[in-house]
Amino acid sequence: MKLLAVSVGRPRDLDWRGRRVRTSIFKTPVTGRVRVTRLNLAGDEQSDLTVHGGPDKAVYAYPGEHYAAWRRELPNAELGFGAFGENLTTEGLLEHEVSIGDRLRIGTAEFVITQPRMPCYKLGVRFGNPEMVKRFHHSGRNGFYFAVTREGELGAGDAIERLERDTGGLTVADVVKLYVEDDDKQPLLERASRHPALPASWRDYFQKRLWAADG
């Protein structure tokens, strides 16, 4: 497993469907070592902290393996690493193979996987297509967020080391399936509603689904 690219971006303002939008989804790969802090990477900045960023969504990782499929589906799009707004483009970490709570080391920084990425309308802004959000949700190629458990530095080419595999039985793909397909499989909902590494907002959402299913 390794890190293919590190990408950062600052907020920019642009016009979208008749209104002015500020977004940081446009990321550019950088060279050299990049500092990782509890809330972000050096040189990167989230635009709207009410829905982006924070300790549970400090760094967004996206499997580089998905780019081949997107290039086939979107032949006219420019799809260099960072195109989906990710900070880290990875190799060897796929949604159905990694679990919420898995702990990783990249360079001297350490991370825990907290949740899948469920993008807002700004992904549509990035691709000039409002349907891109729904398409991304249902693709299963979501990527995932990291919380930073140890600050440090990393760079493209670094090995990704798995420090601990979570035993809670909840993969990133499981969470996406529960959300996108509205799948009310009781055992999976129960695991999601109580998994300690899943942010409270997600646990609350799945707990309400459990109550509704029981009602």
N, C-alpha and C. Protein backbone atom coordinates (compact mmCIF):
# COMPACT_ATOMS: atom_id res chain seq x y z
N MET A 1 0.85 -1.18 0.00
CA MET A 1 0.00 0.00 0.00
C MET A 1 0.89 1.23 0.00
N LYS A 2 0.50 2.23 -0.78
CA LYS A 2 1.31 3.44 -0.80
C LYS A 2 0.49 4.67 -1.14
N LEU A 3 1.10 5.81 -0.89
CA LEU A 3 0.49 7.11 -1.17
C LEU A 3 0.93 7.56 -2.55
N LEU A 4 -0.04 7.75 -3.45
CA LEU A 4 0.26 8.13 -4.83
C LEU A 4 0.43 9.63 -5.00
N ALA A 5 -0.35 10.42 -4.27
CA ALA A 5 -0.31 11.87 -4.45
C ALA A 5 -0.85 12.56 -3.21
N VAL A 6 -0.34 13.77 -2.97
CA VAL A 6 -0.84 14.65 -1.91
C VAL A 6 -1.31 15.92 -2.60
N SER A 7 -2.56 16.32 -2.35
CA SER A 7 -3.14 17.46 -3.06
C SER A 7 -3.77 18.43 -2.06
N VAL A 8 -3.61 19.71 -2.33
CA VAL A 8 -4.16 20.75 -1.46
C VAL A 8 -4.82 21.83 -2.31
N GLY A 9 -5.63 22.66 -1.66
CA GLY A 9 -6.28 23.75 -2.38
C GLY A 9 -6.83 24.78 -1.42
N ARG A 10 -6.91 26.01 -1.90
CA ARG A 10 -7.48 27.12 -1.13
C ARG A 10 -8.88 27.43 -1.67
N PRO A 11 -9.70 28.12 -0.89
CA PRO A 11 -11.03 28.49 -1.37
C PRO A 11 -10.98 29.37 -2.61
N ARG A 12 -11.94 29.16 -3.48
CA ARG A 12 -12.11 30.04 -4.63
C ARG A 12 -13.60 30.32 -4.82
N ASP A 13 -13.90 31.48 -5.38
CA ASP A 13 -15.28 31.88 -5.65
C ASP A 13 -15.57 31.75 -7.13
N LEU A 14 -16.74 31.19 -7.43
CA LEU A 14 -17.13 31.06 -8.83
C LEU A 14 -18.65 31.10 -8.94
N ASP A 15 -19.14 31.31 -10.15
CA ASP A 15 -20.57 31.37 -10.40
C ASP A 15 -21.10 29.97 -10.72
N TRP A 16 -22.23 29.62 -10.11
CA TRP A 16 -22.82 28.31 -10.33
C TRP A 16 -24.34 28.44 -10.30
N ARG A 17 -24.95 28.20 -11.45
CA ARG A 17 -26.40 28.20 -11.56
C ARG A 17 -27.04 29.46 -10.97
N GLY A 18 -26.45 30.58 -11.33
CA GLY A 18 -27.02 31.87 -10.97
C GLY A 18 -26.64 32.41 -9.61
N ARG A 19 -25.70 31.78 -8.93
CA ARG A 19 -25.27 32.32 -7.64
C ARG A 19 -23.77 32.14 -7.46
N ARG A 20 -23.23 32.89 -6.51
CA ARG A 20 -21.80 32.86 -6.23
C ARG A 20 -21.54 31.78 -5.19
N VAL A 21 -20.57 30.92 -5.46
CA VAL A 21 -20.26 29.80 -4.59
C VAL A 21 -18.79 29.85 -4.21
N ARG A 22 -18.51 29.58 -2.94
CA ARG A 22 -17.12 29.45 -2.49
C ARG A 22 -16.85 27.96 -2.23
N THR A 23 -15.77 27.46 -2.81
CA THR A 23 -15.45 26.05 -2.68
C THR A 23 -13.95 25.82 -2.64
N SER A 24 -13.56 24.76 -1.95
CA SER A 24 -12.15 24.34 -1.92
C SER A 24 -11.97 22.97 -2.56
N ILE A 25 -12.92 22.56 -3.39
CA ILE A 25 -12.86 21.22 -3.97
C ILE A 25 -11.77 21.08 -5.03
N PHE A 26 -11.29 22.19 -5.55
CA PHE A 26 -10.24 22.12 -6.57
C PHE A 26 -8.89 21.94 -5.87
N LYS A 27 -8.31 20.76 -6.02
CA LYS A 27 -7.05 20.42 -5.37
C LYS A 27 -5.96 20.19 -6.41
N THR A 28 -4.74 20.53 -6.05
CA THR A 28 -3.59 20.36 -6.95
C THR A 28 -2.53 19.53 -6.26
N PRO A 29 -1.99 18.50 -6.90
CA PRO A 29 -0.91 17.72 -6.29
C PRO A 29 0.33 18.58 -6.03
N VAL A 30 0.99 18.30 -4.91
CA VAL A 30 2.19 19.03 -4.52
C VAL A 30 3.33 18.03 -4.35
N THR A 31 4.54 18.55 -4.43
CA THR A 31 5.73 17.73 -4.25
C THR A 31 6.34 17.99 -2.88
N GLY A 32 7.23 17.11 -2.47
CA GLY A 32 7.92 17.29 -1.20
C GLY A 32 7.09 16.82 -0.02
N ARG A 33 7.62 17.08 1.17
CA ARG A 33 6.96 16.67 2.40
C ARG A 33 5.90 17.69 2.80
N VAL A 34 4.77 17.20 3.29
CA VAL A 34 3.65 18.06 3.67
C VAL A 34 3.31 17.80 5.13
N ARG A 35 3.17 18.88 5.87
CA ARG A 35 2.84 18.78 7.29
C ARG A 35 1.38 18.40 7.48
N VAL A 36 1.13 17.45 8.38
CA VAL A 36 -0.22 17.02 8.74
C VAL A 36 -0.51 17.49 10.16
N THR A 37 -1.59 18.27 10.33
CA THR A 37 -2.01 18.70 11.65
C THR A 37 -3.32 18.02 12.02
N ARG A 38 -3.81 18.28 13.19
CA ARG A 38 -5.04 17.64 13.66
C ARG A 38 -6.24 17.97 12.79
N LEU A 39 -6.21 19.11 12.10
CA LEU A 39 -7.38 19.55 11.37
C LEU A 39 -7.19 19.65 9.86
N ASN A 40 -5.95 19.41 9.36
CA ASN A 40 -5.77 19.65 7.93
C ASN A 40 -4.35 19.32 7.52
N LEU A 41 -4.08 19.53 6.23
CA LEU A 41 -2.73 19.49 5.69
C LEU A 41 -2.25 20.92 5.49
N ALA A 42 -0.97 21.13 5.60
CA ALA A 42 -0.40 22.45 5.31
C ALA A 42 -0.70 22.82 3.86
N GLY A 43 -1.18 24.05 3.66
CA GLY A 43 -1.49 24.51 2.31
C GLY A 43 -2.90 24.23 1.86
N ASP A 44 -3.68 23.54 2.70
CA ASP A 44 -5.06 23.24 2.36
C ASP A 44 -5.99 24.02 3.28
N GLU A 45 -7.21 24.27 2.80
CA GLU A 45 -8.17 25.02 3.61
C GLU A 45 -9.59 24.66 3.18
N GLN A 46 -10.45 24.35 4.15
CA GLN A 46 -11.85 24.09 3.85
C GLN A 46 -12.62 25.40 3.79
N SER A 47 -13.64 25.45 2.92
CA SER A 47 -14.38 26.69 2.71
C SER A 47 -15.51 26.90 3.71
N ASP A 48 -16.24 25.85 4.02
CA ASP A 48 -17.41 25.96 4.89
C ASP A 48 -17.27 24.97 6.03
N LEU A 49 -16.81 25.45 7.18
CA LEU A 49 -16.51 24.56 8.30
C LEU A 49 -17.76 24.03 8.99
N THR A 50 -18.94 24.48 8.59
CA THR A 50 -20.17 23.93 9.16
C THR A 50 -20.45 22.54 8.60
N VAL A 51 -19.94 22.23 7.42
CA VAL A 51 -20.18 20.92 6.80
C VAL A 51 -18.91 20.21 6.37
N HIS A 52 -17.79 20.91 6.34
CA HIS A 52 -16.52 20.32 5.92
C HIS A 52 -15.49 20.47 7.04
N GLY A 53 -14.51 19.60 7.02
CA GLY A 53 -13.43 19.70 7.97
C GLY A 53 -13.83 19.28 9.38
N GLY A 54 -13.03 19.70 10.35
CA GLY A 54 -13.21 19.25 11.73
C GLY A 54 -12.39 18.01 11.99
N PRO A 55 -12.26 17.63 13.26
CA PRO A 55 -11.38 16.51 13.59
C PRO A 55 -11.77 15.18 12.97
N ASP A 56 -13.07 14.94 12.73
CA ASP A 56 -13.49 13.67 12.14
C ASP A 56 -13.34 13.63 10.62
N LYS A 57 -13.15 14.80 10.01
CA LYS A 57 -13.01 14.89 8.55
C LYS A 57 -11.80 15.77 8.22
N ALA A 58 -10.70 15.52 8.91
CA ALA A 58 -9.52 16.36 8.73
C ALA A 58 -8.87 16.16 7.37
N VAL A 59 -8.84 14.92 6.89
CA VAL A 59 -8.13 14.58 5.65
C VAL A 59 -9.01 13.62 4.85
N TYR A 60 -9.13 13.91 3.56
CA TYR A 60 -9.94 13.05 2.69
C TYR A 60 -9.02 12.22 1.81
N ALA A 61 -9.23 10.90 1.84
CA ALA A 61 -8.43 9.96 1.04
C ALA A 61 -9.31 9.32 -0.03
N TYR A 62 -8.72 9.12 -1.21
CA TYR A 62 -9.48 8.52 -2.31
C TYR A 62 -8.62 7.47 -3.01
N PRO A 63 -9.16 6.26 -3.21
CA PRO A 63 -8.39 5.21 -3.86
C PRO A 63 -8.04 5.56 -5.31
N GLY A 64 -6.77 5.53 -5.62
CA GLY A 64 -6.34 5.80 -6.99
C GLY A 64 -6.84 4.76 -7.98
N GLU A 65 -7.18 3.57 -7.49
CA GLU A 65 -7.70 2.51 -8.35
C GLU A 65 -8.99 2.92 -9.05
N HIS A 66 -9.74 3.86 -8.47
CA HIS A 66 -11.02 4.26 -9.05
C HIS A 66 -10.88 5.15 -10.29
N TYR A 67 -9.73 5.72 -10.49
CA TYR A 67 -9.59 6.68 -11.58
C TYR A 67 -9.78 6.04 -12.95
N ALA A 68 -9.39 4.80 -13.11
CA ALA A 68 -9.55 4.14 -14.42
C ALA A 68 -11.02 4.06 -14.80
N ALA A 69 -11.88 3.69 -13.84
CA ALA A 69 -13.31 3.60 -14.13
C ALA A 69 -13.89 4.98 -14.45
N TRP A 70 -13.51 5.98 -13.68
CA TRP A 70 -14.03 7.32 -13.94
C TRP A 70 -13.56 7.85 -15.29
N ARG A 71 -12.35 7.53 -15.68
CA ARG A 71 -11.86 8.00 -16.99
C ARG A 71 -12.63 7.35 -18.12
N ARG A 72 -13.06 6.11 -17.93
CA ARG A 72 -13.90 5.47 -18.95
C ARG A 72 -15.28 6.12 -18.99
N GLU A 73 -15.83 6.44 -17.82
CA GLU A 73 -17.17 6.99 -17.74
C GLU A 73 -17.24 8.48 -18.09
N LEU A 74 -16.13 9.18 -17.85
CA LEU A 74 -16.08 10.62 -18.09
C LEU A 74 -14.92 10.95 -19.01
N PRO A 75 -14.97 10.51 -20.26
CA PRO A 75 -13.81 10.64 -21.15
C PRO A 75 -13.41 12.08 -21.46
N ASN A 76 -14.31 13.02 -21.28
CA ASN A 76 -13.99 14.41 -21.59
C ASN A 76 -13.54 15.22 -20.38
N ALA A 77 -13.52 14.60 -19.21
CA ALA A 77 -13.13 15.30 -17.99
C ALA A 77 -11.62 15.21 -17.77
N GLU A 78 -11.06 16.25 -17.16
CA GLU A 78 -9.66 16.22 -16.76
C GLU A 78 -9.58 15.54 -15.40
N LEU A 79 -8.94 14.40 -15.36
CA LEU A 79 -8.98 13.59 -14.15
C LEU A 79 -7.58 13.23 -13.67
N GLY A 80 -6.82 14.27 -13.34
CA GLY A 80 -5.57 14.04 -12.64
C GLY A 80 -5.85 13.78 -11.17
N PHE A 81 -4.87 13.24 -10.45
CA PHE A 81 -5.06 12.99 -9.02
C PHE A 81 -5.46 14.28 -8.32
N GLY A 82 -6.39 14.17 -7.39
CA GLY A 82 -6.96 15.32 -6.71
C GLY A 82 -8.25 15.80 -7.32
N ALA A 83 -8.67 15.21 -8.44
CA ALA A 83 -9.85 15.68 -9.17
C ALA A 83 -11.13 15.56 -8.37
N PHE A 84 -11.20 14.63 -7.42
CA PHE A 84 -12.42 14.46 -6.64
C PHE A 84 -12.35 15.20 -5.30
N GLY A 85 -11.38 16.09 -5.19
CA GLY A 85 -11.25 16.90 -3.99
C GLY A 85 -10.48 16.23 -2.88
N GLU A 86 -9.84 15.09 -3.19
CA GLU A 86 -9.12 14.38 -2.14
C GLU A 86 -7.79 15.03 -1.83
N ASN A 87 -7.39 14.89 -0.56
CA ASN A 87 -6.06 15.30 -0.14
C ASN A 87 -5.02 14.23 -0.43
N LEU A 88 -5.42 12.98 -0.20
CA LEU A 88 -4.50 11.85 -0.38
C LEU A 88 -5.08 10.88 -1.39
N THR A 89 -4.33 10.61 -2.45
CA THR A 89 -4.71 9.57 -3.40
C THR A 89 -3.90 8.33 -3.05
N THR A 90 -4.59 7.23 -2.78
CA THR A 90 -3.94 6.06 -2.21
C THR A 90 -3.96 4.87 -3.17
N GLU A 91 -3.15 3.90 -2.86
CA GLU A 91 -3.15 2.62 -3.56
C GLU A 91 -3.18 1.52 -2.53
N GLY A 92 -4.16 0.60 -2.67
CA GLY A 92 -4.23 -0.54 -1.76
C GLY A 92 -5.25 -0.41 -0.65
N LEU A 93 -6.04 0.67 -0.65
CA LEU A 93 -7.09 0.86 0.36
C LEU A 93 -8.42 1.03 -0.36
N LEU A 94 -9.22 -0.01 -0.40
CA LEU A 94 -10.51 0.04 -1.07
C LEU A 94 -11.65 -0.03 -0.05
N GLU A 95 -12.78 0.57 -0.39
CA GLU A 95 -13.88 0.75 0.56
C GLU A 95 -14.40 -0.55 1.16
N HIS A 96 -14.41 -1.63 0.38
CA HIS A 96 -14.93 -2.89 0.89
C HIS A 96 -13.88 -3.67 1.69
N GLU A 97 -12.66 -3.16 1.70
CA GLU A 97 -11.57 -3.85 2.41
C GLU A 97 -11.14 -3.14 3.69
N VAL A 98 -11.47 -1.85 3.82
CA VAL A 98 -11.06 -1.11 5.01
C VAL A 98 -12.29 -0.84 5.87
N SER A 99 -12.06 -0.76 7.17
CA SER A 99 -13.17 -0.63 8.11
C SER A 99 -13.10 0.70 8.86
N ILE A 100 -14.27 1.15 9.29
CA ILE A 100 -14.33 2.28 10.21
C ILE A 100 -13.54 1.89 11.46
N GLY A 101 -12.60 2.74 11.84
CA GLY A 101 -11.77 2.45 13.00
C GLY A 101 -10.41 1.88 12.69
N ASP A 102 -10.14 1.50 11.43
CA ASP A 102 -8.80 1.04 11.06
C ASP A 102 -7.79 2.17 11.30
N ARG A 103 -6.62 1.80 11.80
CA ARG A 103 -5.57 2.78 12.09
C ARG A 103 -4.40 2.58 11.13
N LEU A 104 -3.89 3.69 10.62
CA LEU A 104 -2.86 3.67 9.58
C LEU A 104 -1.76 4.65 9.90
N ARG A 105 -0.57 4.36 9.35
CA ARG A 105 0.54 5.31 9.40
C ARG A 105 1.00 5.61 7.98
N ILE A 106 1.16 6.89 7.67
CA ILE A 106 1.72 7.32 6.40
C ILE A 106 2.79 8.35 6.72
N GLY A 107 4.02 8.08 6.31
CA GLY A 107 5.11 8.94 6.73
C GLY A 107 5.24 8.87 8.24
N THR A 108 5.27 10.03 8.89
CA THR A 108 5.32 10.06 10.36
C THR A 108 3.97 10.39 10.97
N ALA A 109 2.93 10.54 10.16
CA ALA A 109 1.59 10.86 10.64
C ALA A 109 0.77 9.58 10.79
N GLU A 110 -0.17 9.61 11.74
CA GLU A 110 -1.04 8.46 11.97
C GLU A 110 -2.50 8.90 11.90
N PHE A 111 -3.34 7.96 11.43
CA PHE A 111 -4.73 8.28 11.12
C PHE A 111 -5.65 7.15 11.57
N VAL A 112 -6.94 7.49 11.70
CA VAL A 112 -7.99 6.49 11.88
C VAL A 112 -9.09 6.80 10.87
N ILE A 113 -9.63 5.75 10.24
CA ILE A 113 -10.71 5.92 9.27
C ILE A 113 -12.02 6.15 10.03
N THR A 114 -12.71 7.24 9.69
CA THR A 114 -13.90 7.63 10.46
C THR A 114 -15.22 7.48 9.71
N GLN A 115 -15.24 7.72 8.40
CA GLN A 115 -16.51 7.72 7.68
C GLN A 115 -16.28 7.80 6.18
N PRO A 116 -17.26 7.39 5.38
CA PRO A 116 -17.15 7.58 3.92
C PRO A 116 -17.39 9.03 3.56
N ARG A 117 -17.01 9.40 2.37
CA ARG A 117 -17.28 10.74 1.87
C ARG A 117 -18.62 10.72 1.13
N MET A 118 -19.54 11.54 1.57
CA MET A 118 -20.83 11.71 0.91
C MET A 118 -20.89 13.16 0.46
N PRO A 119 -20.55 13.46 -0.79
CA PRO A 119 -20.31 14.84 -1.21
C PRO A 119 -21.58 15.68 -1.28
N CYS A 120 -21.38 16.99 -1.14
CA CYS A 120 -22.47 17.94 -1.32
C CYS A 120 -22.49 18.40 -2.78
N TYR A 121 -23.31 19.38 -3.07
CA TYR A 121 -23.51 19.85 -4.45
C TYR A 121 -22.22 20.38 -5.09
N LYS A 122 -21.19 20.66 -4.28
CA LYS A 122 -19.98 21.25 -4.84
C LYS A 122 -19.20 20.27 -5.72
N LEU A 123 -19.46 18.97 -5.55
CA LEU A 123 -18.87 18.03 -6.51
C LEU A 123 -19.46 18.28 -7.89
N GLY A 124 -20.75 18.60 -7.94
CA GLY A 124 -21.37 18.98 -9.20
C GLY A 124 -20.78 20.25 -9.77
N VAL A 125 -20.44 21.19 -8.90
CA VAL A 125 -19.77 22.42 -9.33
C VAL A 125 -18.42 22.08 -9.96
N ARG A 126 -17.69 21.18 -9.31
CA ARG A 126 -16.35 20.80 -9.82
C ARG A 126 -16.42 20.23 -11.22
N PHE A 127 -17.47 19.43 -11.49
CA PHE A 127 -17.56 18.77 -12.79
C PHE A 127 -18.54 19.45 -13.73
N GLY A 128 -19.14 20.55 -13.28
CA GLY A 128 -20.08 21.27 -14.14
C GLY A 128 -21.32 20.47 -14.45
N ASN A 129 -21.72 19.59 -13.51
CA ASN A 129 -22.86 18.71 -13.73
C ASN A 129 -23.52 18.38 -12.40
N PRO A 130 -24.73 18.90 -12.14
CA PRO A 130 -25.37 18.64 -10.85
C PRO A 130 -25.70 17.17 -10.62
N GLU A 131 -25.78 16.37 -11.67
CA GLU A 131 -26.07 14.94 -11.52
C GLU A 131 -24.87 14.16 -11.01
N MET A 132 -23.70 14.80 -10.98
CA MET A 132 -22.49 14.10 -10.58
C MET A 132 -22.56 13.64 -9.12
N VAL A 133 -23.27 14.38 -8.27
CA VAL A 133 -23.36 14.00 -6.86
C VAL A 133 -24.07 12.66 -6.72
N LYS A 134 -25.23 12.52 -7.35
CA LYS A 134 -25.97 11.26 -7.28
C LYS A 134 -25.15 10.12 -7.90
N ARG A 135 -24.51 10.41 -8.99
CA ARG A 135 -23.70 9.40 -9.67
C ARG A 135 -22.56 8.91 -8.76
N PHE A 136 -21.94 9.85 -8.08
CA PHE A 136 -20.84 9.52 -7.17
C PHE A 136 -21.36 8.67 -6.02
N HIS A 137 -22.48 9.08 -5.41
CA HIS A 137 -23.06 8.33 -4.29
C HIS A 137 -23.28 6.88 -4.66
N HIS A 138 -23.85 6.63 -5.83
CA HIS A 138 -24.25 5.28 -6.21
C HIS A 138 -23.14 4.48 -6.88
N SER A 139 -22.00 5.10 -7.10
CA SER A 139 -20.89 4.40 -7.75
C SER A 139 -20.22 3.40 -6.82
N GLY A 140 -20.30 3.66 -5.51
CA GLY A 140 -19.54 2.86 -4.55
C GLY A 140 -18.09 3.28 -4.47
N ARG A 141 -17.72 4.29 -5.23
CA ARG A 141 -16.33 4.77 -5.24
C ARG A 141 -16.27 6.09 -4.48
N ASN A 142 -16.47 6.01 -3.17
CA ASN A 142 -16.66 7.21 -2.35
C ASN A 142 -15.39 7.75 -1.71
N GLY A 143 -14.44 6.88 -1.42
CA GLY A 143 -13.33 7.31 -0.59
C GLY A 143 -13.76 7.45 0.86
N PHE A 144 -12.88 7.97 1.70
CA PHE A 144 -13.17 8.02 3.13
C PHE A 144 -12.34 9.11 3.80
N TYR A 145 -12.82 9.49 4.97
CA TYR A 145 -12.14 10.53 5.76
C TYR A 145 -11.28 9.91 6.85
N PHE A 146 -10.22 10.64 7.17
CA PHE A 146 -9.33 10.30 8.28
C PHE A 146 -9.46 11.35 9.38
N ALA A 147 -9.42 10.89 10.62
CA ALA A 147 -9.05 11.74 11.74
C ALA A 147 -7.55 11.56 11.94
N VAL A 148 -6.88 12.60 12.36
CA VAL A 148 -5.43 12.55 12.58
C VAL A 148 -5.18 12.22 14.06
N THR A 149 -4.54 11.10 14.31
CA THR A 149 -4.25 10.69 15.68
C THR A 149 -2.83 11.04 16.09
N ARG A 150 -1.97 11.29 15.13
CA ARG A 150 -0.62 11.79 15.42
C ARG A 150 -0.18 12.70 14.29
N GLU A 151 0.15 13.92 14.62
CA GLU A 151 0.62 14.86 13.61
C GLU A 151 1.99 14.44 13.11
N GLY A 152 2.30 14.83 11.87
CA GLY A 152 3.59 14.47 11.29
C GLY A 152 3.73 15.01 9.89
N GLU A 153 4.50 14.32 9.08
CA GLU A 153 4.72 14.72 7.69
C GLU A 153 4.56 13.50 6.78
N LEU A 154 4.17 13.78 5.55
CA LEU A 154 4.07 12.71 4.56
C LEU A 154 4.33 13.28 3.17
N GLY A 155 4.48 12.38 2.20
CA GLY A 155 4.72 12.80 0.83
C GLY A 155 4.37 11.68 -0.13
N ALA A 156 4.14 12.05 -1.38
CA ALA A 156 3.84 11.06 -2.40
C ALA A 156 4.95 10.02 -2.45
N GLY A 157 4.57 8.76 -2.57
CA GLY A 157 5.53 7.66 -2.60
C GLY A 157 5.70 6.97 -1.26
N ASP A 158 5.20 7.60 -0.17
CA ASP A 158 5.31 6.98 1.14
C ASP A 158 4.51 5.68 1.20
N ALA A 159 5.02 4.72 1.96
CA ALA A 159 4.27 3.51 2.23
C ALA A 159 3.12 3.82 3.18
N ILE A 160 2.03 3.07 3.02
CA ILE A 160 0.91 3.14 3.96
C ILE A 160 0.96 1.88 4.80
N GLU A 161 1.08 2.05 6.10
CA GLU A 161 1.20 0.92 7.01
C GLU A 161 -0.08 0.80 7.84
N ARG A 162 -0.64 -0.39 7.88
CA ARG A 162 -1.81 -0.62 8.72
C ARG A 162 -1.33 -0.93 10.13
N LEU A 163 -1.67 -0.07 11.08
CA LEU A 163 -1.25 -0.27 12.46
C LEU A 163 -2.19 -1.20 13.22
N GLU A 164 -3.48 -1.09 12.90
CA GLU A 164 -4.48 -1.88 13.62
C GLU A 164 -5.72 -2.03 12.75
N ARG A 165 -6.21 -3.24 12.65
CA ARG A 165 -7.45 -3.50 11.91
C ARG A 165 -8.60 -3.54 12.91
N ASP A 166 -9.60 -2.70 12.69
CA ASP A 166 -10.73 -2.63 13.62
C ASP A 166 -11.53 -3.93 13.58
N THR A 167 -12.06 -4.31 14.73
CA THR A 167 -12.81 -5.58 14.84
C THR A 167 -14.32 -5.35 14.92
N GLY A 168 -14.78 -4.12 14.64
CA GLY A 168 -16.19 -3.81 14.78
C GLY A 168 -17.07 -4.32 13.66
N GLY A 169 -16.48 -4.84 12.60
CA GLY A 169 -17.27 -5.44 11.53
C GLY A 169 -18.06 -4.46 10.70
N LEU A 170 -17.49 -3.27 10.46
CA LEU A 170 -18.21 -2.25 9.70
C LEU A 170 -17.25 -1.63 8.68
N THR A 171 -17.36 -2.05 7.43
CA THR A 171 -16.49 -1.49 6.40
C THR A 171 -17.03 -0.14 5.93
N VAL A 172 -16.19 0.60 5.25
CA VAL A 172 -16.63 1.85 4.64
C VAL A 172 -17.76 1.58 3.65
N ALA A 173 -17.63 0.51 2.87
CA ALA A 173 -18.67 0.15 1.91
C ALA A 173 -19.99 -0.17 2.60
N ASP A 174 -19.94 -0.78 3.79
CA ASP A 174 -21.16 -1.07 4.55
C ASP A 174 -21.92 0.22 4.86
N VAL A 175 -21.20 1.24 5.31
CA VAL A 175 -21.84 2.50 5.68
C VAL A 175 -22.46 3.16 4.46
N VAL A 176 -21.74 3.14 3.34
CA VAL A 176 -22.28 3.72 2.11
C VAL A 176 -23.55 2.99 1.70
N LYS A 177 -23.52 1.67 1.75
CA LYS A 177 -24.69 0.89 1.35
C LYS A 177 -25.89 1.20 2.24
N LEU A 178 -25.68 1.29 3.54
CA LEU A 178 -26.77 1.61 4.45
C LEU A 178 -27.38 2.97 4.12
N TYR A 179 -26.52 3.90 3.77
CA TYR A 179 -26.98 5.27 3.50
C TYR A 179 -27.66 5.38 2.13
N VAL A 180 -26.99 4.89 1.10
CA VAL A 180 -27.48 5.09 -0.27
C VAL A 180 -28.68 4.20 -0.58
N GLU A 181 -28.63 2.95 -0.15
CA GLU A 181 -29.69 2.01 -0.49
C GLU A 181 -30.80 1.97 0.54
N ASP A 182 -30.63 2.75 1.63
CA ASP A 182 -31.63 2.74 2.70
C ASP A 182 -31.89 1.31 3.16
N ASP A 183 -30.80 0.55 3.26
CA ASP A 183 -30.86 -0.86 3.61
C ASP A 183 -31.05 -1.01 5.12
N ASP A 184 -32.16 -1.61 5.54
CA ASP A 184 -32.45 -1.72 6.97
C ASP A 184 -32.12 -3.10 7.54
N LYS A 185 -31.03 -3.69 7.09
CA LYS A 185 -30.60 -4.95 7.66
C LYS A 185 -30.24 -4.72 9.13
N GLN A 186 -30.96 -5.35 10.02
CA GLN A 186 -30.87 -5.07 11.44
C GLN A 186 -29.45 -5.22 12.01
N PRO A 187 -28.75 -6.33 11.77
CA PRO A 187 -27.43 -6.46 12.37
C PRO A 187 -26.46 -5.36 11.94
N LEU A 188 -26.50 -4.97 10.66
CA LEU A 188 -25.61 -3.93 10.16
C LEU A 188 -25.99 -2.57 10.74
N LEU A 189 -27.27 -2.29 10.80
CA LEU A 189 -27.72 -1.03 11.42
C LEU A 189 -27.29 -0.95 12.88
N GLU A 190 -27.39 -2.05 13.59
CA GLU A 190 -27.00 -2.06 15.00
C GLU A 190 -25.51 -1.78 15.16
N ARG A 191 -24.70 -2.41 14.29
CA ARG A 191 -23.26 -2.16 14.37
C ARG A 191 -22.95 -0.70 14.07
N ALA A 192 -23.60 -0.15 13.06
CA ALA A 192 -23.35 1.24 12.68
C ALA A 192 -23.80 2.20 13.77
N SER A 193 -24.90 1.89 14.43
CA SER A 193 -25.45 2.82 15.42
C SER A 193 -24.62 2.90 16.69
N ARG A 194 -23.73 1.92 16.91
CA ARG A 194 -22.96 1.94 18.16
C ARG A 194 -21.44 1.92 17.94
N HIS A 195 -21.00 1.99 16.69
CA HIS A 195 -19.56 1.90 16.44
C HIS A 195 -18.86 3.16 16.97
N PRO A 196 -17.92 3.04 17.89
CA PRO A 196 -17.33 4.22 18.53
C PRO A 196 -16.49 5.09 17.61
N ALA A 197 -15.96 4.54 16.52
CA ALA A 197 -15.14 5.34 15.62
C ALA A 197 -15.96 6.11 14.60
N LEU A 198 -17.24 5.76 14.45
CA LEU A 198 -18.12 6.49 13.54
C LEU A 198 -18.59 7.75 14.25
N PRO A 199 -18.52 8.92 13.60
CA PRO A 199 -18.92 10.16 14.27
C PRO A 199 -20.35 10.10 14.81
N ALA A 200 -20.61 10.89 15.84
CA ALA A 200 -21.90 10.86 16.54
C ALA A 200 -23.07 11.14 15.61
N SER A 201 -22.88 12.03 14.64
CA SER A 201 -23.99 12.37 13.74
C SER A 201 -24.42 11.15 12.92
N TRP A 202 -23.46 10.33 12.50
CA TRP A 202 -23.79 9.11 11.77
C TRP A 202 -24.45 8.09 12.70
N ARG A 203 -23.91 7.93 13.90
CA ARG A 203 -24.51 6.96 14.84
C ARG A 203 -25.95 7.34 15.16
N ASP A 204 -26.19 8.63 15.36
CA ASP A 204 -27.55 9.09 15.65
C ASP A 204 -28.50 8.80 14.48
N TYR A 205 -28.00 9.03 13.27
CA TYR A 205 -28.82 8.77 12.09
C TYR A 205 -29.22 7.30 12.01
N PHE A 206 -28.26 6.42 12.23
CA PHE A 206 -28.56 4.99 12.15
C PHE A 206 -29.41 4.53 13.34
N GLN A 207 -29.24 5.16 14.50
CA GLN A 207 -30.08 4.83 15.64
C GLN A 207 -31.54 5.16 15.35
N LYS A 208 -31.79 6.30 14.72
CA LYS A 208 -33.16 6.65 14.34
C LYS A 208 -33.74 5.67 13.34
N ARG A 209 -32.89 5.19 12.43
CA ARG A 209 -33.35 4.18 11.47
C ARG A 209 -33.74 2.89 12.20
N LEU A 210 -32.96 2.54 13.22
CA LEU A 210 -33.27 1.35 14.00
C LEU A 210 -34.62 1.50 14.70
N TRP A 211 -34.84 2.65 15.31
CA TRP A 211 -36.12 2.89 15.99
C TRP A 211 -37.28 2.80 15.01
N ALA A 212 -37.08 3.38 13.82
CA ALA A 212 -38.15 3.34 12.82
C ALA A 212 -38.43 1.91 12.39
N ALA A 213 -37.36 1.12 12.23
CA ALA A 213 -37.54 -0.27 11.81
C ALA A 213 -38.25 -1.08 12.89
N ASP A 214 -37.96 -0.77 14.16
CA ASP A 214 -38.59 -1.49 15.26
C ASP A 214 -40.03 -1.05 15.47
N GLY A 215 -40.31 0.22 15.07
CA GLY A 215 -41.66 0.76 15.30
C GLY A 215 -42.68 0.21 14.37
